[in-house]
């Protein structure tokens, strides 16, 4: 199951730096996770300083 980033994202980029498959990119209002690329490892969620990332 892929992860998703909520509107609580502050666009710090910490999650993108930790993603081993480069599934995270900067969107219009906050970072976004490409569900087709995400391997559900959870590295991004454990790195997010505001807890904006959760499983879909």
C-alpha atoms as a PDB file:
ATOM      1  CA  UNK A   1       0.000   0.000   0.000  1.00  0.00           C
ATOM      2  CA  UNK A   2       1.465   3.354  -1.048  1.00  0.00           C
ATOM      3  CA  UNK A   3       1.899   6.320   1.232  1.00  0.00           C
ATOM      4  CA  UNK A   4       0.312   9.752   0.755  1.00  0.00           C
ATOM      5  CA  UNK A   5       1.216  13.256   1.860  1.00  0.00           C
ATOM      6  CA  UNK A   6      -1.496  15.414   3.427  1.00  0.00           C
ATOM      7  CA  UNK A   7      -2.028  19.170   3.215  1.00  0.00           C
ATOM      8  CA  UNK A   8      -0.117  19.446   6.512  1.00  0.00           C
ATOM      9  CA  UNK A   9       3.092  19.172   4.444  1.00  0.00           C
ATOM     10  CA  UNK A  10       5.371  22.207   4.886  1.00  0.00           C
ATOM     11  CA  UNK A  11       7.434  21.390   1.756  1.00  0.00           C
ATOM     12  CA  UNK A  12      10.696  20.924   3.641  1.00  0.00           C
ATOM     13  CA  UNK A  13      11.866  18.130   1.297  1.00  0.00           C
ATOM     14  CA  UNK A  14      13.065  15.784   4.043  1.00  0.00           C
ATOM     15  CA  UNK A  15      10.882  12.968   2.724  1.00  0.00           C
ATOM     16  CA  UNK A  16      12.136  13.258  -0.856  1.00  0.00           C
ATOM     17  CA  UNK A  17      15.733  13.000   0.313  1.00  0.00           C
ATOM     18  CA  UNK A  18      14.970   9.726   2.149  1.00  0.00           C
ATOM     19  CA  UNK A  19      12.955   7.978  -0.578  1.00  0.00           C
ATOM     20  CA  UNK A  20      15.056   5.088  -1.959  1.00  0.00           C
ATOM     21  CA  UNK A  21      13.095   4.938  -5.239  1.00  0.00           C
ATOM     22  CA  UNK A  22      12.664   8.691  -5.889  1.00  0.00           C
ATOM     23  CA  UNK A  23       8.863   8.436  -5.736  1.00  0.00           C
ATOM     24  CA  UNK A  24       8.466  11.863  -4.098  1.00  0.00           C
ATOM     25  CA  UNK A  25       8.446  15.136  -5.986  1.00  0.00           C
ATOM     26  CA  UNK A  26       7.416  18.718  -5.312  1.00  0.00           C
ATOM     27  CA  UNK A  27       3.815  19.388  -6.321  1.00  0.00           C
ATOM     28  CA  UNK A  28       1.894  22.631  -6.679  1.00  0.00           C
ATOM     29  CA  UNK A  29       1.067  23.091  -2.996  1.00  0.00           C
ATOM     30  CA  UNK A  30       3.162  20.403  -1.274  1.00  0.00           C
ATOM     31  CA  UNK A  31       5.248  17.306  -1.973  1.00  0.00           C
ATOM     32  CA  UNK A  32       3.513  14.334  -3.601  1.00  0.00           C
ATOM     33  CA  UNK A  33       4.176  10.594  -3.749  1.00  0.00           C
ATOM     34  CA  UNK A  34       3.847   8.682  -7.011  1.00  0.00           C
ATOM     35  CA  UNK A  35       1.822   5.631  -5.932  1.00  0.00           C
ATOM     36  CA  UNK A  36       3.038   3.597  -8.913  1.00  0.00           C
ATOM     37  CA  UNK A  37       6.680   4.052  -7.870  1.00  0.00           C
ATOM     38  CA  UNK A  38       6.277   3.894  -4.074  1.00  0.00           C
ATOM     39  CA  UNK A  39       7.484   0.611  -2.527  1.00  0.00           C
ATOM     40  CA  UNK A  40       5.775   1.284   0.843  1.00  0.00           C
ATOM     41  CA  UNK A  41       9.009   1.190   2.827  1.00  0.00           C
ATOM     42  CA  UNK A  42       7.930   3.968   5.222  1.00  0.00           C
ATOM     43  CA  UNK A  43      11.242   5.835   5.141  1.00  0.00           C
ATOM     44  CA  UNK A  44       9.439   9.052   4.223  1.00  0.00           C
ATOM     45  CA  UNK A  45       6.873   8.808   7.027  1.00  0.00           C
ATOM     46  CA  UNK A  46       9.500   8.327   9.706  1.00  0.00           C
ATOM     47  CA  UNK A  47      11.414  11.363   8.414  1.00  0.00           C
ATOM     48  CA  UNK A  48       8.523  13.848   8.140  1.00  0.00           C
ATOM     49  CA  UNK A  49       8.867  16.467  10.907  1.00  0.00           C
ATOM     50  CA  UNK A  50       5.155  17.349  10.887  1.00  0.00           C
ATOM     51  CA  UNK A  51       3.673  13.856  10.471  1.00  0.00           C
ATOM     52  CA  UNK A  52       2.069  14.661   7.117  1.00  0.00           C
ATOM     53  CA  UNK A  53       2.716  11.232   5.591  1.00  0.00           C
ATOM     54  CA  UNK A  54       0.535   8.178   6.155  1.00  0.00           C
ATOM     55  CA  UNK A  55      -0.443   4.940   4.426  1.00  0.00           C
ATOM     56  CA  UNK A  56      -3.277   5.241   1.915  1.00  0.00           C
END
